[in-house]
Amino acid sequence: MQSRRRAVQVLVLGGFATAVLPGSAAGQGGEDLTISPKRLVLAAGARSATVFLLNRGTETTTYAIELADRVMLPDGRIREPGDVADEPGGAEATALLQTAKEMIVFSPRRVTLRPGESQTVRLRIARAADLPEGEYRSHLTVTAVPPPDAGLTAEQAAQARPGQMTIRIRTAFGVSIPVIVRQGDPRAGAEIRDVRYMPPASGRQAALALALVRTGKASLYGDLTVRAAGSGEPPLAQARGVAVYAEIGRRTLELPLRRRLSQGERVEIVFADEAARRGEPPARFDYTVT
């Protein structure tokens, strides 16, 4: 059978491979996008909200805006619900996810921004009268739409030699932020458990492994800090903006340390939840290296 010339363009997720980033992306074209705030929490009674987009790039870019559901896995990865069935804890997390898509209306859904131009996205929240207390979440995702000339030209396709397959992959960068709708006054508690010191190894610096455990009906969001007990030195490790969403009960983390720890050394690990009430102490764990 005689070989045929073929030119193929890979299309994934609405036309192009998509890389979804939290908060902002930097690079060419659609990668130069800033969205603020980076996390939107709508307390009980809130009926509207505003998100701001800014094209920091040098090219005029068109963006598609949508609401999508995302699931957090116990290791902190955030994935589409349909992609986690075979992941550890994926099915359980998907079953517990409470979407906010049906109660949020937003506009615009598509916008073209010149370099340096900004756009306001307005959201309106319509809660059902009998909505149970708890936390509901979806992710507002803004994705750069590839230009019309992103595919193969006729000349490029014709250059393919017999039996050769030509593939062009263009990544459509997107920025995604969680939109959290809270009904009633759901609260969350935090505990630090299963702390373990990981000494430096080949190609890896010293680290502390731990589990951040969440209780209650709300998600956790805050900062983790590791300090040497009784020492005035800078923190040994810090992780800002650590989230444990409401569909998982615990999240495992590894915190790279600024230096290795000595046998018998004591460290203090603190998680400060940004939603904690005034005067409420942060979660704390004292650990001694064994």
C-alpha atoms as a PDB file:
ATOM      1  CA  MET A   1       0.000   0.000   0.000  1.00  0.00           C
ATOM      2  CA  GLN A   2       1.365   3.377  -0.998  1.00  0.00           C
ATOM      3  CA  SER A   3       2.048   5.759   1.898  1.00  0.00           C
ATOM      4  CA  ARG A   4       0.073   8.976   2.053  1.00  0.00           C
ATOM      5  CA  ARG A   5       1.163  12.411   3.183  1.00  0.00           C
ATOM      6  CA  ARG A   6      -0.590  13.500   6.332  1.00  0.00           C
ATOM      7  CA  ALA A   7      -0.401  16.566   8.540  1.00  0.00           C
ATOM      8  CA  VAL A   8      -2.024  16.358  11.955  1.00  0.00           C
ATOM      9  CA  GLN A   9      -2.666  19.065  14.496  1.00  0.00           C
ATOM     10  CA  VAL A  10      -3.200  17.838  18.055  1.00  0.00           C
ATOM     11  CA  LEU A  11      -6.337  19.256  19.648  1.00  0.00           C
ATOM     12  CA  VAL A  12      -6.968  18.740  23.349  1.00  0.00           C
ATOM     13  CA  LEU A  13      -9.542  20.386  25.661  1.00  0.00           C
ATOM     14  CA  GLY A  14     -11.489  22.744  23.459  1.00  0.00           C
ATOM     15  CA  GLY A  15      -8.959  22.761  20.653  1.00  0.00           C
ATOM     16  CA  PHE A  16      -5.508  22.882  22.232  1.00  0.00           C
ATOM     17  CA  ALA A  17      -3.533  21.370  25.070  1.00  0.00           C
ATOM     18  CA  THR A  18      -4.256  23.409  28.177  1.00  0.00           C
ATOM     19  CA  ALA A  19      -2.006  24.189  31.125  1.00  0.00           C
ATOM     20  CA  VAL A  20      -4.054  25.608  33.988  1.00  0.00           C
ATOM     21  CA  LEU A  21      -2.095  27.670  36.476  1.00  0.00           C
ATOM     22  CA  PRO A  22      -3.260  29.140  39.785  1.00  0.00           C
ATOM     23  CA  GLY A  23      -3.407  32.921  39.891  1.00  0.00           C
ATOM     24  CA  SER A  24      -1.112  34.064  37.105  1.00  0.00           C
ATOM     25  CA  ALA A  25       0.988  32.905  34.194  1.00  0.00           C
ATOM     26  CA  ALA A  26       3.932  34.559  32.501  1.00  0.00           C
ATOM     27  CA  GLY A  27       5.337  34.142  29.016  1.00  0.00           C
ATOM     28  CA  GLN A  28       4.208  34.947  25.493  1.00  0.00           C
ATOM     29  CA  GLY A  29       0.713  35.897  24.384  1.00  0.00           C
ATOM     30  CA  GLY A  30      -1.919  34.245  26.571  1.00  0.00           C
ATOM     31  CA  GLU A  31       0.639  33.335  29.206  1.00  0.00           C
ATOM     32  CA  ASP A  32       0.965  36.975  30.277  1.00  0.00           C
ATOM     33  CA  LEU A  33      -2.237  37.116  32.267  1.00  0.00           C
ATOM     34  CA  THR A  34      -2.864  38.269  35.819  1.00  0.00           C
ATOM     35  CA  ILE A  35      -6.110  37.553  37.637  1.00  0.00           C
ATOM     36  CA  SER A  36      -7.077  38.953  41.017  1.00  0.00           C
ATOM     37  CA  PRO A  37      -7.982  38.011  43.607  1.00  0.00           C
ATOM     38  CA  LYS A  38      -6.291  34.622  43.501  1.00  0.00           C
ATOM     39  CA  ARG A  39      -9.002  33.108  45.697  1.00  0.00           C
ATOM     40  CA  LEU A  40     -12.607  34.246  46.008  1.00  0.00           C
ATOM     41  CA  VAL A  41     -14.603  33.393  49.146  1.00  0.00           C
ATOM     42  CA  LEU A  42     -18.263  34.417  49.271  1.00  0.00           C
ATOM     43  CA  ALA A  43     -19.686  34.302  52.760  1.00  0.00           C
ATOM     44  CA  ALA A  44     -23.329  33.667  53.612  1.00  0.00           C
ATOM     45  CA  GLY A  45     -25.507  36.416  52.172  1.00  0.00           C
ATOM     46  CA  ALA A  46     -23.013  37.550  49.508  1.00  0.00           C
ATOM     47  CA  ARG A  47     -24.766  38.000  46.179  1.00  0.00           C
ATOM     48  CA  SER A  48     -22.063  39.328  43.870  1.00  0.00           C
ATOM     49  CA  ALA A  49     -18.320  39.510  43.359  1.00  0.00           C
ATOM     50  CA  THR A  50     -15.794  40.957  40.945  1.00  0.00           C
ATOM     51  CA  VAL A  51     -12.653  39.506  39.398  1.00  0.00           C
ATOM     52  CA  PHE A  52     -10.082  41.577  37.494  1.00  0.00           C
ATOM     53  CA  LEU A  53      -8.053  40.420  34.485  1.00  0.00           C
ATOM     54  CA  LEU A  54      -4.926  42.132  33.157  1.00  0.00           C
ATOM     55  CA  ASN A  55      -2.993  41.357  29.974  1.00  0.00           C
ATOM     56  CA  ARG A  56       0.634  42.038  30.923  1.00  0.00           C
ATOM     57  CA  GLY A  57       1.969  40.786  27.611  1.00  0.00           C
ATOM     58  CA  THR A  58       2.947  42.465  24.365  1.00  0.00           C
ATOM     59  CA  GLU A  59       0.292  40.837  22.179  1.00  0.00           C
ATOM     60  CA  THR A  60      -3.439  41.350  21.867  1.00  0.00           C
ATOM     61  CA  THR A  61      -4.992  38.154  23.187  1.00  0.00           C
ATOM     62  CA  THR A  62      -8.487  36.683  23.317  1.00  0.00           C
ATOM     63  CA  TYR A  63      -9.500  34.806  26.465  1.00  0.00           C
ATOM     64  CA  ALA A  64     -12.299  32.330  27.068  1.00  0.00           C
ATOM     65  CA  ILE A  65     -13.817  32.407  30.564  1.00  0.00           C
ATOM     66  CA  GLU A  66     -15.621  29.477  32.150  1.00  0.00           C
ATOM     67  CA  LEU A  67     -16.522  27.833  35.434  1.00  0.00           C
ATOM     68  CA  ALA A  68     -15.213  24.316  35.927  1.00  0.00           C
ATOM     69  CA  ASP A  69     -15.134  21.829  38.770  1.00  0.00           C
ATOM     70  CA  ARG A  70     -11.785  20.691  40.128  1.00  0.00           C
ATOM     71  CA  VAL A  71     -10.987  18.055  42.765  1.00  0.00           C
ATOM     72  CA  MET A  72      -8.133  18.208  45.256  1.00  0.00           C
ATOM     73  CA  LEU A  73      -6.330  14.923  45.866  1.00  0.00           C
ATOM     74  CA  PRO A  74      -4.740  14.023  49.208  1.00  0.00           C
ATOM     75  CA  ASP A  75      -1.293  14.914  47.848  1.00  0.00           C
ATOM     76  CA  GLY A  76      -2.465  18.444  46.978  1.00  0.00           C
ATOM     77  CA  ARG A  77      -2.828  18.038  43.225  1.00  0.00           C
ATOM     78  CA  ILE A  78      -5.932  19.629  41.695  1.00  0.00           C
ATOM     79  CA  ARG A  79      -7.463  17.705  38.812  1.00  0.00           C
ATOM     80  CA  GLU A  80     -10.637  17.439  36.771  1.00  0.00           C
ATOM     81  CA  PRO A  81     -13.144  15.044  38.390  1.00  0.00           C
ATOM     82  CA  GLY A  82     -13.138  12.759  35.356  1.00  0.00           C
ATOM     83  CA  ASP A  83      -9.377  12.229  35.603  1.00  0.00           C
ATOM     84  CA  VAL A  84      -9.064  11.033  39.202  1.00  0.00           C
ATOM     85  CA  ALA A  85     -11.009   7.767  39.343  1.00  0.00           C
ATOM     86  CA  ASP A  86      -7.800   5.714  39.463  1.00  0.00           C
ATOM     87  CA  GLU A  87      -5.899   8.098  41.744  1.00  0.00           C
ATOM     88  CA  PRO A  88      -5.561   7.300  45.464  1.00  0.00           C
ATOM     89  CA  GLY A  89      -8.478   8.999  47.190  1.00  0.00           C
ATOM     90  CA  GLY A  90      -9.809  10.355  43.886  1.00  0.00           C
ATOM     91  CA  ALA A  91     -13.188   8.618  43.882  1.00  0.00           C
ATOM     92  CA  GLU A  92     -13.847   9.556  47.502  1.00  0.00           C
ATOM     93  CA  ALA A  93     -12.921  13.207  46.921  1.00  0.00           C
ATOM     94  CA  THR A  94     -15.100  13.429  43.815  1.00  0.00           C
ATOM     95  CA  ALA A  95     -18.087  12.045  45.724  1.00  0.00           C
ATOM     96  CA  LEU A  96     -17.684  14.717  48.409  1.00  0.00           C
ATOM     97  CA  LEU A  97     -17.138  17.645  46.053  1.00  0.00           C
ATOM     98  CA  GLN A  98     -19.979  20.205  46.237  1.00  0.00           C
ATOM     99  CA  THR A  99     -20.086  22.262  43.049  1.00  0.00           C
ATOM    100  CA  ALA A 100     -20.962  25.950  42.937  1.00  0.00           C
ATOM    101  CA  LYS A 101     -21.484  26.054  39.159  1.00  0.00           C
ATOM    102  CA  GLU A 102     -25.260  25.970  39.224  1.00  0.00           C
ATOM    103  CA  MET A 103     -25.539  28.987  41.537  1.00  0.00           C
ATOM    104  CA  ILE A 104     -23.097  31.328  39.785  1.00  0.00           C
ATOM    105  CA  VAL A 105     -23.813  33.478  36.735  1.00  0.00           C
ATOM    106  CA  PHE A 106     -20.913  35.489  35.291  1.00  0.00           C
ATOM    107  CA  SER A 107     -20.074  37.776  32.384  1.00  0.00           C
ATOM    108  CA  PRO A 108     -18.362  38.234  30.014  1.00  0.00           C
ATOM    109  CA  ARG A 109     -17.519  34.735  28.803  1.00  0.00           C
ATOM    110  CA  ARG A 110     -15.024  35.872  26.195  1.00  0.00           C
ATOM    111  CA  VAL A 111     -12.875  38.987  26.014  1.00  0.00           C
ATOM    112  CA  THR A 112     -10.058  40.385  23.865  1.00  0.00           C
ATOM    113  CA  LEU A 113      -7.441  42.488  25.659  1.00  0.00           C
ATOM    114  CA  ARG A 114      -4.720  44.659  24.177  1.00  0.00           C
ATOM    115  CA  PRO A 115      -1.341  44.792  25.937  1.00  0.00           C
ATOM    116  CA  GLY A 116      -1.783  46.480  29.309  1.00  0.00           C
ATOM    117  CA  GLU A 117      -5.586  46.394  29.061  1.00  0.00           C
ATOM    118  CA  SER A 118      -7.754  45.105  31.907  1.00  0.00           C
ATOM    119  CA  GLN A 119     -11.242  43.640  32.163  1.00  0.00           C
ATOM    120  CA  THR A 120     -13.740  43.186  34.976  1.00  0.00           C
ATOM    121  CA  VAL A 121     -15.561  39.867  35.285  1.00  0.00           C
ATOM    122  CA  ARG A 122     -18.753  40.132  37.333  1.00  0.00           C
ATOM    123  CA  LEU A 123     -20.249  37.195  39.180  1.00  0.00           C
ATOM    124  CA  ARG A 124     -23.751  36.930  40.590  1.00  0.00           C
ATOM    125  CA  ILE A 125     -24.650  34.297  43.158  1.00  0.00           C
ATOM    126  CA  ALA A 126     -28.159  32.849  43.323  1.00  0.00           C
ATOM    127  CA  ARG A 127     -28.499  30.494  46.301  1.00  0.00           C
ATOM    128  CA  ALA A 128     -31.426  28.131  46.643  1.00  0.00           C
ATOM    129  CA  ALA A 129     -33.658  28.972  49.594  1.00  0.00           C
ATOM    130  CA  ASP A 130     -33.108  25.509  51.065  1.00  0.00           C
ATOM    131  CA  LEU A 131     -29.369  25.292  50.348  1.00  0.00           C
ATOM    132  CA  PRO A 132     -27.788  23.200  53.136  1.00  0.00           C
ATOM    133  CA  GLU A 133     -25.056  24.734  55.263  1.00  0.00           C
ATOM    134  CA  GLY A 134     -21.611  24.028  53.973  1.00  0.00           C
ATOM    135  CA  GLU A 135     -19.063  25.030  51.394  1.00  0.00           C
ATOM    136  CA  TYR A 136     -19.500  24.896  47.613  1.00  0.00           C
ATOM    137  CA  ARG A 137     -16.668  25.422  45.128  1.00  0.00           C
ATOM    138  CA  SER A 138     -15.949  25.715  41.440  1.00  0.00           C
ATOM    139  CA  HIS A 139     -12.981  27.269  39.631  1.00  0.00           C
ATOM    140  CA  LEU A 140     -13.124  30.322  37.403  1.00  0.00           C
ATOM    141  CA  THR A 141     -10.793  29.528  34.531  1.00  0.00           C
ATOM    142  CA  VAL A 142      -9.503  32.044  31.986  1.00  0.00           C
ATOM    143  CA  THR A 143      -7.800  30.452  28.984  1.00  0.00           C
ATOM    144  CA  ALA A 144      -6.005  32.118  26.088  1.00  0.00           C
ATOM    145  CA  VAL A 145      -7.624  31.322  22.741  1.00  0.00           C
ATOM    146  CA  PRO A 146      -4.950  30.472  20.120  1.00  0.00           C
ATOM    147  CA  PRO A 147      -4.918  32.807  17.102  1.00  0.00           C
ATOM    148  CA  PRO A 148      -6.528  31.660  13.822  1.00  0.00           C
ATOM    149  CA  ASP A 149      -3.120  31.067  12.237  1.00  0.00           C
ATOM    150  CA  ALA A 150      -2.025  28.631  14.976  1.00  0.00           C
ATOM    151  CA  GLY A 151      -2.499  25.578  12.764  1.00  0.00           C
ATOM    152  CA  LEU A 152      -0.456  24.188   9.895  1.00  0.00           C
ATOM    153  CA  THR A 153      -0.508  26.119   6.643  1.00  0.00           C
ATOM    154  CA  ALA A 154      -1.129  24.335   3.343  1.00  0.00           C
ATOM    155  CA  GLU A 155       2.556  24.808   2.481  1.00  0.00           C
ATOM    156  CA  GLN A 156       3.671  23.281   5.785  1.00  0.00           C
ATOM    157  CA  ALA A 157       1.353  20.331   5.346  1.00  0.00           C
ATOM    158  CA  ALA A 158       2.605  19.736   1.811  1.00  0.00           C
ATOM    159  CA  GLN A 159       6.219  19.589   3.026  1.00  0.00           C
ATOM    160  CA  ALA A 160       5.558  16.345   4.904  1.00  0.00           C
ATOM    161  CA  ARG A 161       7.446  13.488   3.276  1.00  0.00           C
ATOM    162  CA  PRO A 162       5.677  10.226   2.335  1.00  0.00           C
ATOM    163  CA  GLY A 163       4.869   8.245   5.455  1.00  0.00           C
ATOM    164  CA  GLN A 164       5.687  11.177   7.716  1.00  0.00           C
ATOM    165  CA  MET A 165       3.243  12.509  10.289  1.00  0.00           C
ATOM    166  CA  THR A 166       3.613  16.172  11.170  1.00  0.00           C
ATOM    167  CA  ILE A 167       2.377  17.190  14.612  1.00  0.00           C
ATOM    168  CA  ARG A 168       2.125  20.676  16.005  1.00  0.00           C
ATOM    169  CA  ILE A 169       1.219  21.138  19.646  1.00  0.00           C
ATOM    170  CA  ARG A 170       0.382  24.582  20.967  1.00  0.00           C
ATOM    171  CA  THR A 171      -0.271  25.017  24.660  1.00  0.00           C
ATOM    172  CA  ALA A 172      -3.193  27.244  25.588  1.00  0.00           C
ATOM    173  CA  PHE A 173      -2.277  28.644  28.969  1.00  0.00           C
ATOM    174  CA  GLY A 174      -5.023  29.262  31.479  1.00  0.00           C
ATOM    175  CA  VAL A 175      -5.337  30.822  34.900  1.00  0.00           C
ATOM    176  CA  SER A 176      -7.724  29.268  37.405  1.00  0.00           C
ATOM    177  CA  ILE A 177      -8.892  30.528  40.811  1.00  0.00           C
ATOM    178  CA  PRO A 178     -11.244  28.828  43.281  1.00  0.00           C
ATOM    179  CA  VAL A 179     -14.629  30.459  43.793  1.00  0.00           C
ATOM    180  CA  ILE A 180     -15.934  29.335  47.185  1.00  0.00           C
ATOM    181  CA  VAL A 181     -19.546  29.907  48.220  1.00  0.00           C
ATOM    182  CA  ARG A 182     -20.265  29.376  51.903  1.00  0.00           C
ATOM    183  CA  GLN A 183     -23.754  28.816  53.232  1.00  0.00           C
ATOM    184  CA  GLY A 184     -24.358  29.437  56.907  1.00  0.00           C
ATOM    185  CA  ASP A 185     -21.178  29.654  58.968  1.00  0.00           C
ATOM    186  CA  PRO A 186     -19.223  26.484  58.209  1.00  0.00           C
ATOM    187  CA  ARG A 187     -16.033  26.231  60.223  1.00  0.00           C
ATOM    188  CA  ALA A 188     -12.866  24.185  59.874  1.00  0.00           C
ATOM    189  CA  GLY A 189     -10.278  22.961  62.315  1.00  0.00           C
ATOM    190  CA  ALA A 190      -6.678  22.004  61.618  1.00  0.00           C
ATOM    191  CA  GLU A 191      -4.255  19.505  63.120  1.00  0.00           C
ATOM    192  CA  ILE A 192      -0.678  18.635  62.178  1.00  0.00           C
ATOM    193  CA  ARG A 193       0.084  14.914  62.299  1.00  0.00           C
ATOM    194  CA  ASP A 194       2.498  12.221  61.138  1.00  0.00           C
ATOM    195  CA  VAL A 195       5.575  14.460  61.110  1.00  0.00           C
ATOM    196  CA  ARG A 196       8.706  12.778  59.793  1.00  0.00           C
ATOM    197  CA  TYR A 197      12.197  14.107  59.162  1.00  0.00           C
ATOM    198  CA  MET A 198      13.710  13.291  55.764  1.00  0.00           C
ATOM    199  CA  PRO A 199      17.503  13.754  55.835  1.00  0.00           C
ATOM    200  CA  PRO A 200      19.227  15.027  52.708  1.00  0.00           C
ATOM    201  CA  ALA A 201      19.827  12.422  50.047  1.00  0.00           C
ATOM    202  CA  SER A 202      21.255  12.354  46.553  1.00  0.00           C
ATOM    203  CA  GLY A 203      19.661  15.226  44.646  1.00  0.00           C
ATOM    204  CA  ARG A 204      17.304  16.146  47.507  1.00  0.00           C
ATOM    205  CA  GLN A 205      17.665  18.572  50.382  1.00  0.00           C
ATOM    206  CA  ALA A 206      16.483  17.864  53.911  1.00  0.00           C
ATOM    207  CA  ALA A 207      12.710  18.077  54.387  1.00  0.00           C
ATOM    208  CA  LEU A 208       9.879  17.516  56.829  1.00  0.00           C
ATOM    209  CA  ALA A 209       6.968  15.334  55.726  1.00  0.00           C
ATOM    210  CA  LEU A 210       3.647  15.873  57.479  1.00  0.00           C
ATOM    211  CA  ALA A 211      -0.105  15.577  57.180  1.00  0.00           C
ATOM    212  CA  LEU A 212      -2.378  18.605  57.556  1.00  0.00           C
ATOM    213  CA  VAL A 213      -5.717  17.284  58.825  1.00  0.00           C
ATOM    214  CA  ARG A 214      -8.963  19.210  58.304  1.00  0.00           C
ATOM    215  CA  THR A 215     -12.165  18.897  60.336  1.00  0.00           C
ATOM    216  CA  GLY A 216     -15.535  20.595  59.865  1.00  0.00           C
ATOM    217  CA  LYS A 217     -17.435  21.638  56.737  1.00  0.00           C
ATOM    218  CA  ALA A 218     -15.124  24.360  55.381  1.00  0.00           C
ATOM    219  CA  SER A 219     -11.765  24.294  53.648  1.00  0.00           C
ATOM    220  CA  LEU A 220      -8.475  25.338  55.192  1.00  0.00           C
ATOM    221  CA  TYR A 221      -6.249  28.010  53.691  1.00  0.00           C
ATOM    222  CA  GLY A 222      -3.199  29.436  55.388  1.00  0.00           C
ATOM    223  CA  ASP A 223       0.553  29.348  55.941  1.00  0.00           C
ATOM    224  CA  LEU A 224       2.825  26.622  57.317  1.00  0.00           C
ATOM    225  CA  THR A 225       5.986  27.654  59.160  1.00  0.00           C
ATOM    226  CA  VAL A 226       8.795  25.541  60.619  1.00  0.00           C
ATOM    227  CA  ARG A 227      11.166  27.065  63.201  1.00  0.00           C
ATOM    228  CA  ALA A 228      13.938  25.706  65.378  1.00  0.00           C
ATOM    229  CA  ALA A 229      12.569  25.697  68.937  1.00  0.00           C
ATOM    230  CA  GLY A 230      14.040  28.413  71.146  1.00  0.00           C
ATOM    231  CA  SER A 231      16.065  29.869  68.301  1.00  0.00           C
ATOM    232  CA  GLY A 232      15.926  33.343  66.846  1.00  0.00           C
ATOM    233  CA  GLU A 233      17.087  32.202  63.419  1.00  0.00           C
ATOM    234  CA  PRO A 234      14.872  32.665  60.346  1.00  0.00           C
ATOM    235  CA  PRO A 235      12.258  29.975  59.640  1.00  0.00           C
ATOM    236  CA  LEU A 236      13.629  26.656  58.504  1.00  0.00           C
ATOM    237  CA  ALA A 237      10.748  26.346  56.027  1.00  0.00           C
ATOM    238  CA  GLN A 238       7.637  28.250  54.961  1.00  0.00           C
ATOM    239  CA  ALA A 239       4.758  27.323  52.686  1.00  0.00           C
ATOM    240  CA  ARG A 240       2.253  30.076  51.969  1.00  0.00           C
ATOM    241  CA  GLY A 241      -1.267  29.649  50.684  1.00  0.00           C
ATOM    242  CA  VAL A 242      -1.597  25.976  51.628  1.00  0.00           C
ATOM    243  CA  ALA A 243      -5.148  24.774  51.002  1.00  0.00           C
ATOM    244  CA  VAL A 244      -7.016  21.686  52.135  1.00  0.00           C
ATOM    245  CA  TYR A 245     -10.331  21.755  50.316  1.00  0.00           C
ATOM    246  CA  ALA A 246     -13.546  20.437  51.773  1.00  0.00           C
ATOM    247  CA  GLU A 247     -13.595  17.201  49.749  1.00  0.00           C
ATOM    248  CA  ILE A 248     -10.495  15.807  51.485  1.00  0.00           C
ATOM    249  CA  GLY A 249      -9.888  15.273  55.193  1.00  0.00           C
ATOM    250  CA  ARG A 250      -6.095  15.409  55.092  1.00  0.00           C
ATOM    251  CA  ARG A 251      -3.328  16.556  52.806  1.00  0.00           C
ATOM    252  CA  THR A 252       0.235  15.282  52.783  1.00  0.00           C
ATOM    253  CA  LEU A 253       3.095  17.715  52.289  1.00  0.00           C
ATOM    254  CA  GLU A 254       6.876  17.766  52.130  1.00  0.00           C
ATOM    255  CA  LEU A 255       8.523  21.011  53.266  1.00  0.00           C
ATOM    256  CA  PRO A 256      12.120  21.486  52.071  1.00  0.00           C
ATOM    257  CA  LEU A 257      14.311  22.752  54.935  1.00  0.00           C
ATOM    258  CA  ARG A 258      16.894  25.505  54.799  1.00  0.00           C
ATOM    259  CA  ARG A 259      19.416  23.263  56.534  1.00  0.00           C
ATOM    260  CA  ARG A 260      19.714  19.718  57.818  1.00  0.00           C
ATOM    261  CA  LEU A 261      18.518  18.937  61.338  1.00  0.00           C
ATOM    262  CA  SER A 262      20.567  17.382  64.109  1.00  0.00           C
ATOM    263  CA  GLN A 263      19.687  14.318  66.138  1.00  0.00           C
ATOM    264  CA  GLY A 264      17.547  15.400  69.102  1.00  0.00           C
ATOM    265  CA  GLU A 265      16.868  18.872  67.675  1.00  0.00           C
ATOM    266  CA  ARG A 266      13.388  20.213  68.386  1.00  0.00           C
ATOM    267  CA  VAL A 267      11.336  22.183  65.868  1.00  0.00           C
ATOM    268  CA  GLU A 268       7.960  23.924  66.019  1.00  0.00           C
ATOM    269  CA  ILE A 269       5.510  23.546  63.134  1.00  0.00           C
ATOM    270  CA  VAL A 270       2.665  26.053  62.944  1.00  0.00           C
ATOM    271  CA  PHE A 271      -0.289  26.300  60.569  1.00  0.00           C
ATOM    272  CA  ALA A 272      -2.066  29.687  60.647  1.00  0.00           C
ATOM    273  CA  ASP A 273      -5.517  29.515  59.022  1.00  0.00           C
ATOM    274  CA  GLU A 274      -6.466  32.850  57.476  1.00  0.00           C
ATOM    275  CA  ALA A 275     -10.132  32.256  58.419  1.00  0.00           C
ATOM    276  CA  ALA A 276      -9.390  31.675  62.106  1.00  0.00           C
ATOM    277  CA  ARG A 277     -11.392  33.821  64.510  1.00  0.00           C
ATOM    278  CA  ARG A 278      -9.546  36.518  66.420  1.00  0.00           C
ATOM    279  CA  GLY A 279      -7.781  35.022  69.408  1.00  0.00           C
ATOM    280  CA  GLU A 280      -8.072  31.474  68.087  1.00  0.00           C
ATOM    281  CA  PRO A 281      -4.651  29.782  68.352  1.00  0.00           C
ATOM    282  CA  PRO A 282      -3.061  28.295  65.239  1.00  0.00           C
ATOM    283  CA  ALA A 283      -2.481  24.574  64.848  1.00  0.00           C
ATOM    284  CA  ARG A 284       0.884  23.682  66.358  1.00  0.00           C
ATOM    285  CA  PHE A 285       3.093  20.596  66.540  1.00  0.00           C
ATOM    286  CA  ASP A 286       6.402  20.202  68.430  1.00  0.00           C
ATOM    287  CA  TYR A 287       8.686  17.649  66.854  1.00  0.00           C
ATOM    288  CA  THR A 288      11.985  16.181  68.003  1.00  0.00           C
ATOM    289  CA  VAL A 289      14.305  14.624  65.435  1.00  0.00           C
ATOM    290  CA  THR A 290      14.979  10.978  66.226  1.00  0.00           C
END
